[in-house]
Amino acid sequence: MLGIVVPTRTDAYARRFLRSLATCEPELDERTKDEEFSRVVLVENGLSDEFTYSLVEAEDGIPELNVEFVRYPHHNETEHRVRAYAPFIFARAINLGVAALDPRADLLLVNDDTEFMSQNPIMALETLLASPAAQGYGIISPRIVGGAGNPDLKLDVPAGEIHESQHAINFIAVLIPRAVWDIIGPMDERYTAYGGDDLDASRRAVNAGYKLGVTGSAVMRHIGDGRREAHGTFGRLYSDEELKEKLEAGFRQFYDKWGDT
C-alpha cells in the first residue's frame, strides 16, 4: 500500500494536486475507503478553513477522498486536523505527514506544485515496488515534466522499469519503500533553510547500500510558481535573491554535516 504526503500552504495548489489525483486514480477512494488510515496526508500551514471544510464535505468539485490534515499550531485542533509545529521546515513537514500514515505504508512524498499526468499512478507505483525491478532501490522518482535539478528525472523511462541515477534525487516527488525509510531514518530536520535535505536523504540511502532511480510507471508535472520552473511550493514566498541565499545556506548545512567541499 502507498501513502501520500503533501506539504502545502495554498488552496489553489492543494486543489489542483488533489483534482489530478482524483482524475488520474478515480478508484482510489473506493479501494481504500475501509482502511483505518488515510492514504493522503496534507501537511499545511496556510490553507483556508473554507477550503478544508469544502474538501471534507466533498463540496469543492473534487471527488471524495479520504484526506488527513496535519496543521501548524496557529490553527485550532478539530476532528479533522492534527496539530503540528512552526516555523515551517520541509523535513519536519514530511516527517509529520509520514507519522500520520499507516505505519506499514510505503511512501510517496510530493510537492504541491505538481500534478499527475499518467493514469492510475498509485496502482502503477505499488505494482512497481512489488516487482523485481525495484529490488535494491531506496529512493525512486516518477518521471518529471518541468523543472528538476537532476536531469535524469526527465528521462523517458518505460513504465515498469527504473533507470539508476548516480545523482541525488530531488524531492519533487519521491517513492520510498517503508523498509528503506525505517533503515535510513526520517528526514533531517536540521535543514532549516531551503534544500539540502533531499541531498542528505539520498546520501543516507546510498550509504545504506540502496540505489537511486527514476521510473516511468508514473509521470508528474512540476509546475513551479509561474516565475520559475522549480521551487514553487514555498520558494515562491521569496525573491530570487532571497531564494538564492536560502539555497546556499541549505547546501552549507549539507557540507557541514558530511564534510564535502
Protein backbone atom coordinates (compact mmCIF):
# COMPACT_ATOMS: atom_id res chain seq x y z
CA MET A 1 0.00 0.00 0.00
CA LEU A 2 1.17 3.53 -0.77
CA GLY A 3 0.62 6.61 1.39
CA ILE A 4 0.98 10.13 0.01
CA VAL A 5 2.38 13.11 1.95
CA VAL A 6 1.97 16.62 0.53
CA PRO A 7 3.27 19.77 2.31
CA THR A 8 1.14 22.73 1.23
CA ARG A 9 0.09 26.28 2.07
CA THR A 10 -2.01 27.38 -0.90
CA ASP A 11 -5.64 26.43 -1.62
CA ALA A 12 -5.17 26.55 -5.39
CA TYR A 13 -2.10 24.31 -5.31
CA ALA A 14 -3.68 21.74 -2.99
CA ARG A 15 -6.90 21.76 -5.03
CA ARG A 16 -5.03 21.24 -8.31
CA PHE A 17 -2.97 18.38 -6.90
CA LEU A 18 -5.97 16.60 -5.40
CA ARG A 19 -8.00 17.01 -8.58
CA SER A 20 -5.19 15.47 -10.60
CA LEU A 21 -5.03 12.56 -8.16
CA ALA A 22 -8.79 12.03 -8.27
CA THR A 23 -8.83 12.28 -12.07
CA CYS A 24 -5.86 10.00 -12.72
CA GLU A 25 -6.69 7.48 -10.00
CA PRO A 26 -10.53 7.55 -9.92
CA GLU A 27 -10.94 4.32 -7.94
CA LEU A 28 -8.51 5.26 -5.13
CA ASP A 29 -11.20 6.23 -2.64
CA GLU A 30 -13.28 3.14 -3.37
CA ARG A 31 -10.22 0.89 -2.97
CA THR A 32 -9.20 2.46 0.33
CA LYS A 33 -12.48 3.54 1.98
CA ASP A 34 -12.41 0.76 4.59
CA GLU A 35 -8.80 1.31 5.63
CA GLU A 36 -8.10 2.64 9.12
CA PHE A 37 -5.63 5.31 7.97
CA SER A 38 -5.95 7.95 5.26
CA ARG A 39 -3.90 7.37 2.10
CA VAL A 40 -3.40 11.13 1.58
CA VAL A 41 -1.97 13.48 4.22
CA LEU A 42 -1.83 17.23 3.62
CA VAL A 43 0.70 18.94 5.90
CA GLU A 44 -0.20 22.61 5.74
CA ASN A 45 0.50 25.99 7.24
CA GLY A 46 -1.85 28.25 5.37
CA LEU A 47 -4.83 26.52 3.78
CA SER A 48 -8.08 28.36 4.40
CA ASP A 49 -10.75 26.90 6.65
CA GLU A 50 -13.17 27.27 3.73
CA PHE A 51 -11.02 25.01 1.58
CA THR A 52 -10.52 22.32 4.19
CA TYR A 53 -14.23 22.32 5.05
CA SER A 54 -15.25 22.10 1.40
CA LEU A 55 -12.84 19.21 0.86
CA VAL A 56 -14.03 17.33 3.91
CA GLU A 57 -17.63 17.83 2.79
CA ALA A 58 -16.77 16.97 -0.87
CA GLU A 59 -18.06 20.38 -1.98
CA ASP A 60 -15.07 21.62 -3.94
CA GLY A 61 -15.52 19.80 -7.23
CA ILE A 62 -13.13 17.06 -6.08
CA PRO A 63 -14.46 13.51 -5.86
CA GLU A 64 -14.48 12.40 -2.25
CA LEU A 65 -11.02 11.46 -0.97
CA ASN A 66 -10.05 10.26 2.48
CA VAL A 67 -7.64 13.08 3.37
CA GLU A 68 -5.95 13.71 6.72
CA PHE A 69 -4.87 17.26 7.59
CA VAL A 70 -1.74 17.89 9.66
CA ARG A 71 -1.81 21.56 10.54
CA TYR A 72 0.58 24.02 12.17
CA PRO A 73 -0.22 25.33 15.70
CA HIS A 74 -1.74 28.67 14.74
CA HIS A 75 -4.82 26.60 13.84
CA ASN A 76 -7.17 25.05 16.35
CA GLU A 77 -7.25 21.30 16.60
CA THR A 78 -10.53 19.73 15.39
CA GLU A 79 -11.80 16.31 14.43
CA HIS A 80 -10.15 16.53 11.01
CA ARG A 81 -6.90 18.32 11.96
CA VAL A 82 -3.81 17.15 13.79
CA ARG A 83 -1.66 19.79 15.50
CA ALA A 84 1.88 20.24 14.12
CA TYR A 85 4.71 22.71 14.68
CA ALA A 86 6.01 26.09 13.45
CA PRO A 87 8.03 27.59 11.82
CA PHE A 88 7.80 25.70 8.55
CA ILE A 89 10.64 23.27 7.83
CA PHE A 90 10.19 20.98 4.84
CA ALA A 91 11.85 17.98 6.51
CA ARG A 92 9.68 18.39 9.61
CA ALA A 93 6.54 18.66 7.49
CA ILE A 94 7.40 15.42 5.70
CA ASN A 95 8.14 13.62 8.97
CA LEU A 96 4.85 14.77 10.50
CA GLY A 97 2.97 13.58 7.43
CA VAL A 98 4.67 10.18 7.47
CA ALA A 99 3.78 9.81 11.15
CA ALA A 100 0.09 10.24 10.27
CA LEU A 101 0.14 7.40 7.72
CA ASP A 102 -0.39 3.71 8.28
CA PRO A 103 2.99 2.58 9.70
CA ARG A 104 3.09 -0.18 7.11
CA ALA A 105 2.59 2.11 4.12
CA ASP A 106 5.26 2.76 1.54
CA LEU A 107 5.73 6.47 0.92
CA LEU A 108 5.12 8.90 -1.92
CA LEU A 109 6.38 12.33 -0.83
CA VAL A 110 5.13 15.06 -3.14
CA ASN A 111 5.41 18.83 -3.58
CA ASP A 112 2.05 20.52 -4.03
CA ASP A 113 3.22 22.37 -7.16
CA THR A 114 2.89 19.11 -9.07
CA GLU A 115 0.13 17.16 -10.75
CA PHE A 116 -0.23 13.63 -12.05
CA MET A 117 -0.12 13.16 -15.82
CA SER A 118 -0.39 9.36 -16.14
CA GLN A 119 -3.35 7.13 -15.45
CA ASN A 120 -3.58 5.08 -12.25
CA PRO A 121 -0.18 6.26 -10.95
CA ILE A 122 -0.68 4.98 -7.39
CA MET A 123 -1.56 1.48 -8.51
CA ALA A 124 1.33 1.54 -11.00
CA LEU A 125 3.83 2.59 -8.34
CA GLU A 126 2.54 -0.05 -5.92
CA THR A 127 2.97 -2.65 -8.67
CA LEU A 128 6.49 -1.38 -9.37
CA LEU A 129 7.54 -1.67 -5.72
CA ALA A 130 6.32 -5.26 -5.65
CA SER A 131 8.29 -6.16 -8.79
CA PRO A 132 11.88 -7.43 -9.13
CA ALA A 133 12.76 -4.17 -10.93
CA ALA A 134 12.55 -2.24 -7.63
CA GLN A 135 14.79 -4.56 -5.66
CA GLY A 136 17.74 -2.68 -4.18
CA TYR A 137 16.30 0.79 -4.79
CA GLY A 138 15.90 3.18 -1.87
CA ILE A 139 14.54 6.36 -3.49
CA ILE A 140 12.73 6.43 -6.83
CA SER A 141 11.35 9.48 -8.62
CA PRO A 142 8.46 9.34 -11.06
CA ARG A 143 9.37 10.87 -14.41
CA ILE A 144 9.18 14.65 -14.06
CA VAL A 145 7.94 17.03 -16.72
CA GLY A 146 9.15 20.52 -15.83
CA GLY A 147 11.85 21.79 -13.51
CA ALA A 148 14.26 19.26 -11.98
CA GLY A 149 17.83 19.78 -10.84
CA ASN A 150 18.79 16.17 -11.62
CA PRO A 151 18.29 15.80 -15.40
CA ASP A 152 17.80 12.04 -15.03
CA LEU A 153 14.36 12.73 -13.59
CA LYS A 154 13.19 13.88 -17.03
CA LEU A 155 14.31 10.74 -18.87
CA ASP A 156 11.62 8.89 -20.81
CA VAL A 157 11.90 5.66 -18.82
CA PRO A 158 9.31 2.99 -19.73
CA ALA A 159 6.60 2.07 -17.24
CA GLY A 160 7.64 -0.86 -15.08
CA GLU A 161 11.33 -0.02 -15.40
CA ILE A 162 13.79 2.02 -13.32
CA HIS A 163 16.78 3.95 -14.59
CA GLU A 164 19.54 4.09 -11.98
CA SER A 165 20.78 7.62 -11.31
CA GLN A 166 24.23 8.47 -10.00
CA HIS A 167 22.99 11.81 -8.67
CA ALA A 168 20.87 12.83 -5.69
CA ILE A 169 17.13 12.65 -6.24
CA ASN A 170 15.31 15.98 -5.98
CA PHE A 171 12.34 15.66 -3.66
CA ILE A 172 9.77 16.89 -6.18
CA ALA A 173 8.00 13.55 -5.91
CA VAL A 174 9.76 10.52 -4.47
CA LEU A 175 8.81 6.93 -3.81
CA ILE A 176 10.45 5.40 -0.71
CA PRO A 177 9.72 1.86 0.46
CA ARG A 178 8.76 1.80 4.14
CA ALA A 179 11.57 -0.67 4.89
CA VAL A 180 14.08 1.81 3.48
CA TRP A 181 12.61 4.72 5.47
CA ASP A 182 12.85 2.64 8.65
CA ILE A 183 16.53 1.88 7.98
CA ILE A 184 17.81 5.30 6.85
CA GLY A 185 15.59 7.22 9.24
CA PRO A 186 13.33 10.26 8.80
CA MET A 187 14.35 13.45 7.03
CA ASP A 188 16.90 15.52 8.93
CA GLU A 189 15.04 18.47 10.46
CA ARG A 190 18.28 20.38 10.99
CA TYR A 191 17.98 21.56 7.37
CA THR A 192 16.11 24.74 8.24
CA ALA A 193 17.00 26.93 5.23
CA TYR A 194 15.91 25.65 1.81
CA GLY A 195 17.21 22.50 0.15
CA GLY A 196 19.97 20.18 1.24
CA ASP A 197 17.53 17.82 2.94
CA ASP A 198 16.95 15.82 -0.25
CA LEU A 199 20.70 15.58 -0.85
CA ASP A 200 21.04 14.31 2.70
CA ALA A 201 18.33 11.66 2.31
CA SER A 202 19.87 10.49 -0.98
CA ARG A 203 23.31 10.27 0.65
CA ARG A 204 21.98 8.23 3.55
CA ALA A 205 20.18 5.85 1.19
CA VAL A 206 23.32 5.28 -0.87
CA ASN A 207 25.43 4.84 2.27
CA ALA A 208 22.97 2.16 3.40
CA GLY A 209 23.55 0.28 0.15
CA TYR A 210 20.50 1.38 -1.83
CA LYS A 211 20.29 2.68 -5.39
CA LEU A 212 18.60 5.86 -6.59
CA GLY A 213 16.44 5.89 -9.69
CA VAL A 214 13.65 7.25 -11.87
CA THR A 215 10.69 5.33 -13.29
CA GLY A 216 8.12 5.87 -16.00
CA SER A 217 5.47 3.99 -14.03
CA ALA A 218 4.11 7.41 -13.05
CA VAL A 219 4.59 10.78 -14.73
CA MET A 220 4.21 14.07 -12.87
CA ARG A 221 4.36 17.67 -14.00
CA HIS A 222 6.37 20.09 -11.85
CA ILE A 223 4.58 23.35 -12.38
CA GLY A 224 6.54 25.82 -10.27
CA ASP A 225 5.21 29.25 -9.40
CA GLY A 226 4.85 30.94 -12.78
CA ARG A 227 8.21 32.71 -12.46
CA ARG A 228 10.40 29.62 -12.04
CA GLU A 229 10.03 26.02 -13.09
CA ALA A 230 11.10 24.83 -9.64
CA HIS A 231 10.82 25.99 -6.01
CA GLY A 232 7.15 26.81 -6.46
CA THR A 233 5.66 25.48 -3.24
CA PHE A 234 7.40 27.56 -0.59
CA GLY A 235 10.20 29.14 -2.59
CA ARG A 236 7.64 31.37 -4.27
CA LEU A 237 7.44 33.31 -1.00
CA TYR A 238 10.94 34.65 -1.61
CA SER A 239 12.56 36.91 -4.16
CA ASP A 240 15.16 35.37 -6.45
CA GLU A 241 17.94 36.81 -4.29
CA GLU A 242 16.39 35.58 -1.04
CA LEU A 243 15.86 32.12 -2.52
CA LYS A 244 19.47 32.00 -3.70
CA GLU A 245 20.66 32.83 -0.18
CA LYS A 246 18.43 30.14 1.35
CA LEU A 247 19.61 27.52 -1.15
CA GLU A 248 23.23 28.37 -0.42
CA ALA A 249 22.52 28.08 3.30
CA GLY A 250 20.95 24.65 2.75
CA PHE A 251 24.00 23.48 0.81
CA ARG A 252 26.29 24.77 3.58
CA GLN A 253 24.31 22.74 6.11
CA PHE A 254 24.80 19.66 3.93
CA TYR A 255 28.53 20.28 3.54
CA ASP A 256 28.96 20.96 7.26
CA LYS A 257 27.29 17.66 8.08
CA TRP A 258 29.07 15.48 5.54
CA GLY A 259 32.39 17.31 5.17
CA ASP A 260 32.09 17.62 1.38
CA THR A 261 33.68 20.52 -0.45
